[in-house]
Amino acid sequence: MGRWRLLPEEITLVDGCRVTTPLRTAWDIARRERRTDAVVAHDALARVGGFPLEALADMASRLRRTRGSALVRAASSRADARAESPMETRMRLLLVDAGLPPPVPQYELVVDGRVVARFDLAYPDARLAIEYDGAGHDDRLDRRRDIRTGALGWQTVRLVSADILQTSEETAALVRAVLRRRLLLLGRPGRRTHLRRSRSDGPVG
C-alpha cells in the first residue's frame, strides 16, 4: 500500500505510548485487511474509541483519489458501533450479505417500561431474535429467557461459530425461511419483498 505520512492529529497517547487515533487506525485497517475483518475492527473501534463512523466515510470521500479509499468506504458503510463482539459483527454481515434486511443490533425488548431482554440481533417486525452462543454462554439461563420471550410472542434462533464460519450459506437460508414464516404468521406478508434469495439458497418449504 506504500507509505503514508501521519498528521499530528492522527497521533495520540495511550499509557504514555504514541499510537494512531481510532479513526486513523480504522482507515489503515480497511485499506489492508479483508472487508469482513475491516468491518469487525470498525465496529470495535467506533464502540471503544468513540469516533463517529460518519467521520471515516467523510475521510474516505475527501481522500477518494488515495489508493484503498474505496475499500474504506465499503467497510465503513457496513459498520455499526452497536455490535458488542466480533462474532456479532460477522453474524450480521452473514445475513446482510445474503440479501436479508439489516437486523437491529442489541435490540431491547421492553414490556411495561421495563427491559426484559436484549438480543444480539433482532427483526422486531417479525418478533425474531438472532443470538450468538459463544463458549461462555449459560444454557440454563438461555432456555429460561427463551421461554420468557417466547411467551411474549418472540422466537429465538441461536447460532454458534460453526454456523457463521463454516456453513454460512445454510445458516442464511435457515434464517430467511424462519423470517419469512414469522412475517406471514404475524400478518405482514408485504415485508417478504425485502427477503431477496441468493442463488445458493435451496428450496424453502
N, C-alpha and C. Protein backbone atom coordinates (compact mmCIF):
# COMPACT_ATOMS: atom_id res chain seq x y z
N MET A 1 0.82 -1.20 0.00
CA MET A 1 0.00 0.00 0.00
C MET A 1 0.86 1.27 0.00
N GLY A 2 2.15 1.14 0.24
CA GLY A 2 3.01 2.30 0.26
C GLY A 2 3.04 2.97 1.61
N ARG A 3 3.72 4.12 1.66
CA ARG A 3 3.86 4.85 2.91
C ARG A 3 2.87 5.99 2.97
N TRP A 4 2.56 6.39 4.19
CA TRP A 4 1.60 7.48 4.39
C TRP A 4 2.08 8.30 5.57
N ARG A 5 2.25 9.59 5.35
CA ARG A 5 2.73 10.46 6.41
C ARG A 5 1.62 10.71 7.43
N LEU A 6 1.94 10.51 8.70
CA LEU A 6 0.95 10.74 9.75
C LEU A 6 0.88 12.23 10.08
N LEU A 7 -0.34 12.73 10.18
CA LEU A 7 -0.56 14.10 10.61
C LEU A 7 -0.56 14.15 12.13
N PRO A 8 -0.24 15.30 12.72
CA PRO A 8 -0.21 15.40 14.19
C PRO A 8 -1.53 14.99 14.84
N GLU A 9 -2.65 15.33 14.21
CA GLU A 9 -3.96 15.00 14.79
C GLU A 9 -4.31 13.52 14.65
N GLU A 10 -3.47 12.76 13.94
CA GLU A 10 -3.71 11.32 13.79
C GLU A 10 -2.93 10.50 14.80
N ILE A 11 -2.28 11.17 15.73
CA ILE A 11 -1.48 10.50 16.75
C ILE A 11 -2.00 10.88 18.12
N THR A 12 -2.06 9.91 19.01
CA THR A 12 -2.49 10.16 20.38
C THR A 12 -1.62 9.35 21.33
N LEU A 13 -1.77 9.60 22.62
CA LEU A 13 -1.00 8.89 23.64
C LEU A 13 -1.91 7.94 24.40
N VAL A 14 -1.47 6.70 24.56
CA VAL A 14 -2.16 5.71 25.37
C VAL A 14 -1.15 5.10 26.33
N ASP A 15 -1.33 5.36 27.62
CA ASP A 15 -0.39 4.89 28.64
C ASP A 15 1.04 5.32 28.31
N GLY A 16 1.16 6.54 27.81
CA GLY A 16 2.47 7.09 27.52
C GLY A 16 3.06 6.68 26.19
N CYS A 17 2.34 5.85 25.41
CA CYS A 17 2.84 5.39 24.11
C CYS A 17 2.14 6.15 22.98
N ARG A 18 2.91 6.54 21.99
CA ARG A 18 2.35 7.20 20.82
C ARG A 18 1.73 6.16 19.88
N VAL A 19 0.45 6.32 19.62
CA VAL A 19 -0.27 5.40 18.74
C VAL A 19 -1.17 6.21 17.82
N THR A 20 -1.63 5.58 16.75
CA THR A 20 -2.57 6.26 15.87
C THR A 20 -3.94 6.34 16.54
N THR A 21 -4.71 7.36 16.20
CA THR A 21 -6.04 7.53 16.74
C THR A 21 -6.95 6.41 16.23
N PRO A 22 -8.07 6.18 16.91
CA PRO A 22 -9.01 5.16 16.41
C PRO A 22 -9.43 5.40 14.96
N LEU A 23 -9.65 6.67 14.59
CA LEU A 23 -10.07 6.98 13.22
C LEU A 23 -8.98 6.59 12.22
N ARG A 24 -7.75 6.97 12.50
CA ARG A 24 -6.66 6.65 11.60
C ARG A 24 -6.39 5.14 11.57
N THR A 25 -6.52 4.50 12.72
CA THR A 25 -6.34 3.05 12.78
C THR A 25 -7.38 2.34 11.92
N ALA A 26 -8.63 2.79 12.00
CA ALA A 26 -9.70 2.20 11.19
C ALA A 26 -9.41 2.38 9.71
N TRP A 27 -8.90 3.54 9.34
CA TRP A 27 -8.56 3.81 7.94
C TRP A 27 -7.49 2.83 7.45
N ASP A 28 -6.43 2.67 8.25
CA ASP A 28 -5.33 1.80 7.85
C ASP A 28 -5.77 0.34 7.74
N ILE A 29 -6.59 -0.10 8.69
CA ILE A 29 -7.04 -1.50 8.67
C ILE A 29 -7.88 -1.78 7.43
N ALA A 30 -8.78 -0.88 7.11
CA ALA A 30 -9.67 -1.09 5.96
C ALA A 30 -8.90 -1.15 4.65
N ARG A 31 -7.79 -0.46 4.57
CA ARG A 31 -7.01 -0.45 3.33
C ARG A 31 -6.16 -1.71 3.18
N ARG A 32 -6.00 -2.47 4.26
CA ARG A 32 -5.07 -3.59 4.23
C ARG A 32 -5.71 -4.96 4.45
N GLU A 33 -6.86 -4.98 5.13
CA GLU A 33 -7.46 -6.25 5.51
C GLU A 33 -8.68 -6.57 4.66
N ARG A 34 -9.15 -7.80 4.76
CA ARG A 34 -10.37 -8.19 4.07
C ARG A 34 -11.54 -7.41 4.63
N ARG A 35 -12.59 -7.25 3.80
CA ARG A 35 -13.69 -6.38 4.20
C ARG A 35 -14.33 -6.81 5.52
N THR A 36 -14.59 -8.11 5.70
CA THR A 36 -15.23 -8.56 6.93
C THR A 36 -14.36 -8.22 8.14
N ASP A 37 -13.07 -8.49 8.05
CA ASP A 37 -12.17 -8.17 9.16
C ASP A 37 -12.13 -6.67 9.41
N ALA A 38 -12.20 -5.89 8.35
CA ALA A 38 -12.20 -4.43 8.50
C ALA A 38 -13.46 -3.96 9.21
N VAL A 39 -14.62 -4.53 8.84
CA VAL A 39 -15.87 -4.13 9.49
C VAL A 39 -15.85 -4.52 10.97
N VAL A 40 -15.32 -5.69 11.28
CA VAL A 40 -15.18 -6.11 12.68
C VAL A 40 -14.36 -5.08 13.44
N ALA A 41 -13.24 -4.65 12.85
CA ALA A 41 -12.39 -3.66 13.50
C ALA A 41 -13.10 -2.31 13.63
N HIS A 42 -13.81 -1.90 12.59
CA HIS A 42 -14.52 -0.63 12.63
C HIS A 42 -15.59 -0.62 13.73
N ASP A 43 -16.33 -1.71 13.83
CA ASP A 43 -17.35 -1.80 14.88
C ASP A 43 -16.72 -1.61 16.26
N ALA A 44 -15.63 -2.33 16.49
CA ALA A 44 -14.98 -2.28 17.81
C ALA A 44 -14.36 -0.92 18.07
N LEU A 45 -13.68 -0.36 17.09
CA LEU A 45 -13.03 0.93 17.28
C LEU A 45 -14.05 2.05 17.49
N ALA A 46 -15.15 1.99 16.75
CA ALA A 46 -16.19 3.01 16.92
C ALA A 46 -16.84 2.91 18.29
N ARG A 47 -17.01 1.68 18.77
CA ARG A 47 -17.63 1.49 20.07
C ARG A 47 -16.68 1.91 21.20
N VAL A 48 -15.44 1.46 21.13
CA VAL A 48 -14.49 1.73 22.21
C VAL A 48 -13.83 3.10 22.04
N GLY A 49 -13.48 3.43 20.78
CA GLY A 49 -12.77 4.69 20.54
C GLY A 49 -13.67 5.90 20.53
N GLY A 50 -14.96 5.67 20.33
CA GLY A 50 -15.91 6.77 20.43
C GLY A 50 -15.93 7.71 19.24
N PHE A 51 -15.39 7.32 18.08
CA PHE A 51 -15.46 8.22 16.94
C PHE A 51 -16.68 7.86 16.09
N PRO A 52 -17.32 8.86 15.50
CA PRO A 52 -18.49 8.57 14.65
C PRO A 52 -18.05 7.92 13.35
N LEU A 53 -18.76 6.88 12.94
CA LEU A 53 -18.42 6.20 11.70
C LEU A 53 -18.55 7.13 10.50
N GLU A 54 -19.39 8.16 10.64
CA GLU A 54 -19.54 9.11 9.55
C GLU A 54 -18.21 9.81 9.26
N ALA A 55 -17.40 9.98 10.31
CA ALA A 55 -16.11 10.65 10.11
C ALA A 55 -15.20 9.83 9.21
N LEU A 56 -15.30 8.52 9.31
CA LEU A 56 -14.49 7.65 8.46
C LEU A 56 -14.97 7.70 7.01
N ALA A 57 -16.29 7.72 6.84
CA ALA A 57 -16.84 7.85 5.49
C ALA A 57 -16.46 9.18 4.86
N ASP A 58 -16.50 10.25 5.68
CA ASP A 58 -16.11 11.57 5.17
C ASP A 58 -14.63 11.58 4.77
N MET A 59 -13.80 10.92 5.57
CA MET A 59 -12.37 10.85 5.28
C MET A 59 -12.13 10.12 3.96
N ALA A 60 -12.86 9.03 3.76
CA ALA A 60 -12.71 8.27 2.52
C ALA A 60 -13.19 9.08 1.32
N SER A 61 -14.20 9.91 1.52
CA SER A 61 -14.70 10.75 0.44
C SER A 61 -13.69 11.85 0.10
N ARG A 62 -13.14 12.48 1.13
CA ARG A 62 -12.17 13.56 0.91
C ARG A 62 -10.90 13.04 0.23
N LEU A 63 -10.53 11.79 0.57
CA LEU A 63 -9.30 11.21 0.04
C LEU A 63 -9.62 10.13 -0.99
N ARG A 64 -10.66 10.36 -1.78
CA ARG A 64 -11.15 9.32 -2.69
C ARG A 64 -10.13 8.97 -3.77
N ARG A 65 -9.17 9.84 -4.02
CA ARG A 65 -8.14 9.52 -5.00
C ARG A 65 -6.99 8.74 -4.40
N THR A 66 -7.03 8.54 -3.09
CA THR A 66 -5.98 7.79 -2.42
C THR A 66 -6.21 6.30 -2.60
N ARG A 67 -5.17 5.57 -2.84
CA ARG A 67 -5.28 4.13 -3.04
C ARG A 67 -5.89 3.47 -1.81
N GLY A 68 -6.91 2.68 -2.02
CA GLY A 68 -7.57 1.97 -0.92
C GLY A 68 -8.76 2.69 -0.34
N SER A 69 -9.05 3.91 -0.78
CA SER A 69 -10.17 4.65 -0.20
C SER A 69 -11.50 3.96 -0.48
N ALA A 70 -11.62 3.29 -1.63
CA ALA A 70 -12.86 2.56 -1.93
C ALA A 70 -13.07 1.42 -0.95
N LEU A 71 -11.98 0.79 -0.51
CA LEU A 71 -12.10 -0.28 0.49
C LEU A 71 -12.58 0.28 1.81
N VAL A 72 -12.12 1.47 2.15
CA VAL A 72 -12.55 2.11 3.40
C VAL A 72 -14.04 2.42 3.34
N ARG A 73 -14.49 2.96 2.20
CA ARG A 73 -15.92 3.27 2.07
C ARG A 73 -16.77 2.01 2.15
N ALA A 74 -16.32 0.94 1.53
CA ALA A 74 -17.09 -0.30 1.54
C ALA A 74 -17.22 -0.85 2.96
N ALA A 75 -16.14 -0.79 3.73
CA ALA A 75 -16.17 -1.31 5.10
C ALA A 75 -16.99 -0.40 6.01
N SER A 76 -16.78 0.90 5.90
CA SER A 76 -17.48 1.82 6.81
C SER A 76 -18.98 1.82 6.57
N SER A 77 -19.40 1.53 5.33
CA SER A 77 -20.84 1.53 5.04
C SER A 77 -21.55 0.36 5.71
N ARG A 78 -20.81 -0.68 6.10
CA ARG A 78 -21.41 -1.84 6.75
C ARG A 78 -21.19 -1.84 8.26
N ALA A 79 -20.43 -0.89 8.77
CA ALA A 79 -20.08 -0.90 10.20
C ALA A 79 -21.24 -0.40 11.06
N ASP A 80 -21.26 -0.85 12.31
CA ASP A 80 -22.29 -0.44 13.26
C ASP A 80 -21.69 -0.52 14.67
N ALA A 81 -21.61 0.61 15.33
CA ALA A 81 -20.95 0.68 16.63
C ALA A 81 -21.73 -0.03 17.73
N ARG A 82 -22.95 -0.46 17.45
CA ARG A 82 -23.73 -1.14 18.48
C ARG A 82 -23.29 -2.58 18.68
N ALA A 83 -22.57 -3.15 17.73
CA ALA A 83 -22.11 -4.54 17.88
C ALA A 83 -21.19 -4.65 19.09
N GLU A 84 -21.34 -5.73 19.85
CA GLU A 84 -20.58 -5.87 21.08
C GLU A 84 -19.54 -6.98 21.04
N SER A 85 -19.39 -7.64 19.89
CA SER A 85 -18.35 -8.66 19.78
C SER A 85 -18.06 -8.90 18.30
N PRO A 86 -16.85 -9.39 17.98
CA PRO A 86 -16.54 -9.69 16.59
C PRO A 86 -17.50 -10.68 15.94
N MET A 87 -17.95 -11.69 16.70
CA MET A 87 -18.85 -12.67 16.12
C MET A 87 -20.23 -12.10 15.87
N GLU A 88 -20.65 -11.15 16.66
CA GLU A 88 -21.91 -10.47 16.38
C GLU A 88 -21.82 -9.73 15.05
N THR A 89 -20.69 -9.08 14.82
CA THR A 89 -20.49 -8.38 13.55
C THR A 89 -20.51 -9.37 12.39
N ARG A 90 -19.80 -10.47 12.54
CA ARG A 90 -19.76 -11.47 11.46
C ARG A 90 -21.14 -12.06 11.21
N MET A 91 -21.91 -12.25 12.26
CA MET A 91 -23.26 -12.79 12.12
C MET A 91 -24.14 -11.79 11.37
N ARG A 92 -24.03 -10.52 11.68
CA ARG A 92 -24.81 -9.50 10.99
C ARG A 92 -24.43 -9.43 9.51
N LEU A 93 -23.13 -9.46 9.21
CA LEU A 93 -22.68 -9.40 7.83
C LEU A 93 -23.14 -10.62 7.04
N LEU A 94 -23.13 -11.78 7.69
CA LEU A 94 -23.59 -13.00 7.03
C LEU A 94 -25.02 -12.81 6.51
N LEU A 95 -25.88 -12.24 7.33
CA LEU A 95 -27.28 -12.07 6.96
C LEU A 95 -27.44 -11.01 5.88
N VAL A 96 -26.79 -9.87 6.06
CA VAL A 96 -26.93 -8.78 5.09
C VAL A 96 -26.34 -9.16 3.74
N ASP A 97 -25.18 -9.82 3.76
CA ASP A 97 -24.55 -10.22 2.50
C ASP A 97 -25.39 -11.25 1.75
N ALA A 98 -26.23 -11.99 2.48
CA ALA A 98 -27.10 -12.98 1.84
C ALA A 98 -28.38 -12.35 1.31
N GLY A 99 -28.54 -11.04 1.47
CA GLY A 99 -29.70 -10.36 0.93
C GLY A 99 -30.83 -10.15 1.92
N LEU A 100 -30.62 -10.52 3.19
CA LEU A 100 -31.65 -10.29 4.20
C LEU A 100 -31.64 -8.83 4.64
N PRO A 101 -32.76 -8.33 5.16
CA PRO A 101 -32.77 -6.96 5.66
C PRO A 101 -31.79 -6.82 6.82
N PRO A 102 -31.20 -5.65 7.01
CA PRO A 102 -30.29 -5.46 8.13
C PRO A 102 -31.03 -5.64 9.45
N PRO A 103 -30.57 -6.54 10.31
CA PRO A 103 -31.21 -6.69 11.61
C PRO A 103 -30.77 -5.57 12.56
N VAL A 104 -31.50 -5.38 13.62
CA VAL A 104 -31.19 -4.35 14.61
C VAL A 104 -30.23 -4.93 15.65
N PRO A 105 -29.04 -4.37 15.79
CA PRO A 105 -28.11 -4.89 16.81
C PRO A 105 -28.52 -4.46 18.22
N GLN A 106 -28.29 -5.36 19.18
CA GLN A 106 -28.53 -5.08 20.59
C GLN A 106 -29.93 -4.50 20.83
N TYR A 107 -30.92 -5.21 20.31
CA TYR A 107 -32.31 -4.75 20.41
C TYR A 107 -32.85 -5.05 21.80
N GLU A 108 -33.44 -4.04 22.43
CA GLU A 108 -34.02 -4.19 23.77
C GLU A 108 -35.52 -4.43 23.66
N LEU A 109 -35.95 -5.53 24.25
CA LEU A 109 -37.38 -5.85 24.30
C LEU A 109 -37.93 -5.25 25.59
N VAL A 110 -38.81 -4.26 25.42
CA VAL A 110 -39.35 -3.51 26.56
C VAL A 110 -40.82 -3.85 26.75
N VAL A 111 -41.17 -4.22 27.95
CA VAL A 111 -42.55 -4.52 28.31
C VAL A 111 -42.92 -3.72 29.55
N ASP A 112 -43.98 -2.94 29.43
CA ASP A 112 -44.43 -2.10 30.55
C ASP A 112 -43.30 -1.23 31.08
N GLY A 113 -42.52 -0.69 30.16
CA GLY A 113 -41.46 0.22 30.55
C GLY A 113 -40.22 -0.44 31.12
N ARG A 114 -40.17 -1.77 31.09
CA ARG A 114 -39.02 -2.49 31.66
C ARG A 114 -38.37 -3.35 30.58
N VAL A 115 -37.03 -3.32 30.53
CA VAL A 115 -36.29 -4.14 29.57
C VAL A 115 -36.27 -5.58 30.08
N VAL A 116 -36.91 -6.48 29.35
CA VAL A 116 -36.97 -7.88 29.78
C VAL A 116 -35.94 -8.74 29.06
N ALA A 117 -35.38 -8.24 27.95
CA ALA A 117 -34.35 -9.00 27.23
C ALA A 117 -33.65 -8.05 26.27
N ARG A 118 -32.41 -8.39 25.98
CA ARG A 118 -31.67 -7.67 24.95
C ARG A 118 -31.06 -8.71 24.02
N PHE A 119 -31.39 -8.59 22.73
CA PHE A 119 -30.97 -9.58 21.75
C PHE A 119 -29.74 -9.08 20.97
N ASP A 120 -28.87 -10.01 20.61
CA ASP A 120 -27.70 -9.64 19.79
C ASP A 120 -28.16 -8.98 18.50
N LEU A 121 -29.11 -9.62 17.81
CA LEU A 121 -29.71 -9.08 16.60
C LEU A 121 -31.20 -9.36 16.65
N ALA A 122 -31.98 -8.52 15.99
CA ALA A 122 -33.42 -8.75 16.01
C ALA A 122 -34.08 -8.18 14.77
N TYR A 123 -35.18 -8.84 14.38
CA TYR A 123 -36.11 -8.33 13.38
C TYR A 123 -37.41 -8.05 14.13
N PRO A 124 -37.56 -6.85 14.66
CA PRO A 124 -38.72 -6.55 15.51
C PRO A 124 -40.06 -6.79 14.83
N ASP A 125 -40.19 -6.47 13.53
CA ASP A 125 -41.45 -6.66 12.83
C ASP A 125 -41.89 -8.13 12.82
N ALA A 126 -40.91 -9.02 12.85
CA ALA A 126 -41.19 -10.45 12.83
C ALA A 126 -41.10 -11.06 14.22
N ARG A 127 -40.75 -10.25 15.21
CA ARG A 127 -40.51 -10.74 16.57
C ARG A 127 -39.56 -11.94 16.53
N LEU A 128 -38.47 -11.73 15.82
CA LEU A 128 -37.45 -12.77 15.65
C LEU A 128 -36.12 -12.27 16.18
N ALA A 129 -35.53 -13.04 17.09
CA ALA A 129 -34.22 -12.70 17.65
C ALA A 129 -33.18 -13.68 17.14
N ILE A 130 -31.96 -13.16 16.87
CA ILE A 130 -30.84 -13.98 16.44
C ILE A 130 -29.75 -13.82 17.51
N GLU A 131 -29.38 -14.91 18.13
CA GLU A 131 -28.40 -14.86 19.21
C GLU A 131 -27.15 -15.66 18.85
N TYR A 132 -25.99 -15.12 19.22
CA TYR A 132 -24.74 -15.88 19.07
C TYR A 132 -24.38 -16.50 20.41
N ASP A 133 -24.21 -17.81 20.42
CA ASP A 133 -23.84 -18.52 21.64
C ASP A 133 -22.35 -18.86 21.59
N GLY A 134 -21.57 -18.09 22.32
CA GLY A 134 -20.14 -18.36 22.40
C GLY A 134 -19.85 -19.42 23.46
N ALA A 135 -18.57 -19.62 23.70
CA ALA A 135 -18.16 -20.68 24.62
C ALA A 135 -18.66 -20.45 26.04
N GLY A 136 -18.88 -19.19 26.41
CA GLY A 136 -19.24 -18.91 27.81
C GLY A 136 -20.72 -18.76 28.07
N HIS A 137 -21.57 -19.09 27.12
CA HIS A 137 -23.00 -18.89 27.35
C HIS A 137 -23.53 -19.94 28.34
N ASP A 138 -24.62 -19.58 29.00
CA ASP A 138 -25.23 -20.44 30.01
C ASP A 138 -26.52 -21.03 29.44
N ASP A 139 -26.51 -22.34 29.16
CA ASP A 139 -27.67 -22.99 28.55
C ASP A 139 -28.93 -22.83 29.38
N ARG A 140 -28.79 -22.97 30.70
CA ARG A 140 -29.96 -22.90 31.58
C ARG A 140 -30.59 -21.51 31.53
N LEU A 141 -29.77 -20.48 31.63
CA LEU A 141 -30.29 -19.11 31.58
C LEU A 141 -30.86 -18.80 30.21
N ASP A 142 -30.21 -19.31 29.16
CA ASP A 142 -30.71 -19.09 27.81
C ASP A 142 -32.08 -19.71 27.62
N ARG A 143 -32.26 -20.93 28.12
CA ARG A 143 -33.56 -21.60 27.99
C ARG A 143 -34.64 -20.83 28.73
N ARG A 144 -34.31 -20.36 29.92
CA ARG A 144 -35.29 -19.60 30.70
C ARG A 144 -35.68 -18.33 29.98
N ARG A 145 -34.69 -17.64 29.40
CA ARG A 145 -35.01 -16.41 28.69
C ARG A 145 -35.81 -16.69 27.43
N ASP A 146 -35.47 -17.76 26.71
CA ASP A 146 -36.22 -18.09 25.50
C ASP A 146 -37.68 -18.41 25.82
N ILE A 147 -37.91 -19.07 26.94
CA ILE A 147 -39.28 -19.36 27.36
C ILE A 147 -40.02 -18.07 27.69
N ARG A 148 -39.31 -17.18 28.40
CA ARG A 148 -39.93 -15.92 28.80
C ARG A 148 -40.26 -15.05 27.59
N THR A 149 -39.32 -14.91 26.65
CA THR A 149 -39.59 -14.09 25.48
C THR A 149 -40.54 -14.80 24.50
N GLY A 150 -40.51 -16.14 24.51
CA GLY A 150 -41.45 -16.89 23.68
C GLY A 150 -42.88 -16.63 24.10
N ALA A 151 -43.10 -16.50 25.41
CA ALA A 151 -44.44 -16.20 25.92
C ALA A 151 -44.91 -14.82 25.48
N LEU A 152 -43.96 -13.98 25.09
CA LEU A 152 -44.30 -12.64 24.61
C LEU A 152 -44.41 -12.60 23.08
N GLY A 153 -44.34 -13.78 22.46
CA GLY A 153 -44.54 -13.86 21.02
C GLY A 153 -43.27 -13.83 20.19
N TRP A 154 -42.10 -13.95 20.84
CA TRP A 154 -40.83 -13.91 20.12
C TRP A 154 -40.27 -15.30 19.91
N GLN A 155 -39.61 -15.49 18.77
CA GLN A 155 -38.86 -16.71 18.50
C GLN A 155 -37.38 -16.37 18.45
N THR A 156 -36.54 -17.24 19.01
CA THR A 156 -35.10 -17.02 19.03
C THR A 156 -34.38 -18.10 18.24
N VAL A 157 -33.52 -17.67 17.33
CA VAL A 157 -32.63 -18.58 16.61
C VAL A 157 -31.24 -18.41 17.20
N ARG A 158 -30.65 -19.51 17.66
CA ARG A 158 -29.33 -19.45 18.29
C ARG A 158 -28.28 -20.05 17.35
N LEU A 159 -27.21 -19.31 17.14
CA LEU A 159 -26.14 -19.73 16.26
C LEU A 159 -24.84 -19.88 17.04
N VAL A 160 -24.00 -20.79 16.56
CA VAL A 160 -22.67 -20.97 17.13
C VAL A 160 -21.64 -20.63 16.05
N SER A 161 -20.37 -20.64 16.42
CA SER A 161 -19.33 -20.20 15.49
C SER A 161 -19.34 -21.00 14.19
N ALA A 162 -19.58 -22.31 14.26
CA ALA A 162 -19.58 -23.13 13.05
C ALA A 162 -20.67 -22.69 12.08
N ASP A 163 -21.83 -22.27 12.61
CA ASP A 163 -22.91 -21.80 11.75
C ASP A 163 -22.48 -20.58 10.94
N ILE A 164 -21.66 -19.75 11.54
CA ILE A 164 -21.26 -18.49 10.92
C ILE A 164 -20.03 -18.66 10.04
N LEU A 165 -19.06 -19.42 10.52
CA LEU A 165 -17.78 -19.52 9.82
C LEU A 165 -17.69 -20.68 8.84
N GLN A 166 -18.49 -21.74 9.06
CA GLN A 166 -18.35 -22.94 8.24
C GLN A 166 -19.54 -23.22 7.33
N THR A 167 -20.73 -22.88 7.77
CA THR A 167 -21.93 -23.19 6.98
C THR A 167 -22.77 -21.93 6.79
N SER A 168 -22.15 -20.86 6.36
CA SER A 168 -22.82 -19.57 6.28
C SER A 168 -24.01 -19.58 5.32
N GLU A 169 -23.88 -20.27 4.18
CA GLU A 169 -24.98 -20.27 3.21
C GLU A 169 -26.21 -20.98 3.77
N GLU A 170 -25.99 -22.12 4.41
CA GLU A 170 -27.10 -22.85 5.01
C GLU A 170 -27.73 -22.05 6.15
N THR A 171 -26.89 -21.36 6.90
CA THR A 171 -27.40 -20.55 8.01
C THR A 171 -28.26 -19.42 7.50
N ALA A 172 -27.80 -18.73 6.46
CA ALA A 172 -28.58 -17.64 5.89
C ALA A 172 -29.91 -18.13 5.35
N ALA A 173 -29.91 -19.29 4.69
CA ALA A 173 -31.16 -19.85 4.16
C ALA A 173 -32.13 -20.18 5.29
N LEU A 174 -31.60 -20.71 6.39
CA LEU A 174 -32.43 -21.03 7.54
C LEU A 174 -33.08 -19.78 8.12
N VAL A 175 -32.28 -18.75 8.34
CA VAL A 175 -32.82 -17.52 8.92
C VAL A 175 -33.83 -16.89 7.98
N ARG A 176 -33.55 -16.92 6.67
CA ARG A 176 -34.50 -16.37 5.70
C ARG A 176 -35.85 -17.10 5.77
N ALA A 177 -35.81 -18.42 5.86
CA ALA A 177 -37.04 -19.20 5.93
C ALA A 177 -37.82 -18.89 7.21
N VAL A 178 -37.11 -18.81 8.33
CA VAL A 178 -37.78 -18.51 9.60
C VAL A 178 -38.36 -17.10 9.57
N LEU A 179 -37.60 -16.15 9.03
CA LEU A 179 -38.08 -14.77 8.97
C LEU A 179 -39.34 -14.67 8.10
N ARG A 180 -39.33 -15.34 6.98
CA ARG A 180 -40.50 -15.31 6.09
C ARG A 180 -41.73 -15.88 6.80
N ARG A 181 -41.55 -16.99 7.48
CA ARG A 181 -42.69 -17.62 8.17
C ARG A 181 -43.18 -16.76 9.33
N ARG A 182 -42.26 -16.11 10.01
CA ARG A 182 -42.66 -15.24 11.12
C ARG A 182 -43.49 -14.06 10.59
N LEU A 183 -43.07 -13.47 9.49
CA LEU A 183 -43.81 -12.35 8.92
C LEU A 183 -45.20 -12.77 8.47
N LEU A 184 -45.30 -13.97 7.89
CA LEU A 184 -46.60 -14.48 7.49
C LEU A 184 -47.47 -14.75 8.71
N LEU A 185 -46.88 -15.31 9.75
CA LEU A 185 -47.61 -15.62 10.97
C LEU A 185 -48.18 -14.36 11.60
N LEU A 186 -47.43 -13.29 11.55
CA LEU A 186 -47.85 -12.04 12.16
C LEU A 186 -48.67 -11.17 11.21
N GLY A 187 -48.99 -11.71 10.03
CA GLY A 187 -49.83 -10.98 9.11
C GLY A 187 -49.15 -9.82 8.43
N ARG A 188 -47.84 -9.97 8.15
CA ARG A 188 -47.11 -8.90 7.48
C ARG A 188 -46.44 -9.45 6.22
N PRO A 189 -47.22 -10.04 5.32
CA PRO A 189 -46.64 -10.66 4.12
C PRO A 189 -45.95 -9.66 3.21
N GLY A 190 -46.34 -8.38 3.27
CA GLY A 190 -45.72 -7.39 2.42
C GLY A 190 -44.23 -7.27 2.66
N ARG A 191 -43.80 -7.58 3.88
CA ARG A 191 -42.39 -7.47 4.20
C ARG A 191 -41.56 -8.52 3.46
N ARG A 192 -42.21 -9.51 2.88
CA ARG A 192 -41.49 -10.58 2.19
C ARG A 192 -40.72 -10.04 0.98
N THR A 193 -41.14 -8.88 0.48
CA THR A 193 -40.46 -8.33 -0.69
C THR A 193 -39.02 -7.98 -0.39
N HIS A 194 -38.68 -7.85 0.90
CA HIS A 194 -37.31 -7.49 1.29
C HIS A 194 -36.43 -8.73 1.45
N LEU A 195 -36.99 -9.90 1.30
CA LEU A 195 -36.24 -11.12 1.54
C LEU A 195 -35.72 -11.68 0.23
N ARG A 196 -34.73 -11.00 -0.33
CA ARG A 196 -34.14 -11.47 -1.58
C ARG A 196 -33.36 -12.75 -1.35
N ARG A 197 -33.63 -13.75 -2.14
CA ARG A 197 -32.94 -15.02 -2.00
C ARG A 197 -31.68 -15.03 -2.83
N SER A 198 -30.62 -15.56 -2.25
CA SER A 198 -29.37 -15.70 -3.01
C SER A 198 -29.43 -16.98 -3.81
N ARG A 199 -28.58 -17.07 -4.82
CA ARG A 199 -28.59 -18.24 -5.69
C ARG A 199 -28.24 -19.51 -4.94
N SER A 200 -27.51 -19.37 -3.83
CA SER A 200 -27.07 -20.55 -3.11
C SER A 200 -28.15 -21.15 -2.25
N ASP A 201 -29.25 -20.43 -2.05
CA ASP A 201 -30.30 -20.94 -1.17
C ASP A 201 -31.04 -22.07 -1.84
N GLY A 202 -31.33 -23.08 -1.06
CA GLY A 202 -32.14 -24.19 -1.54
C GLY A 202 -33.60 -23.85 -1.45
N PRO A 203 -34.46 -24.76 -1.83
CA PRO A 203 -35.91 -24.50 -1.75
C PRO A 203 -36.37 -24.36 -0.31
N VAL A 204 -37.33 -23.50 -0.12
CA VAL A 204 -37.89 -23.26 1.21
C VAL A 204 -39.31 -23.80 1.21
N GLY A 205 -39.61 -24.66 2.18
CA GLY A 205 -40.93 -25.24 2.20
C GLY A 205 -41.99 -24.31 2.68
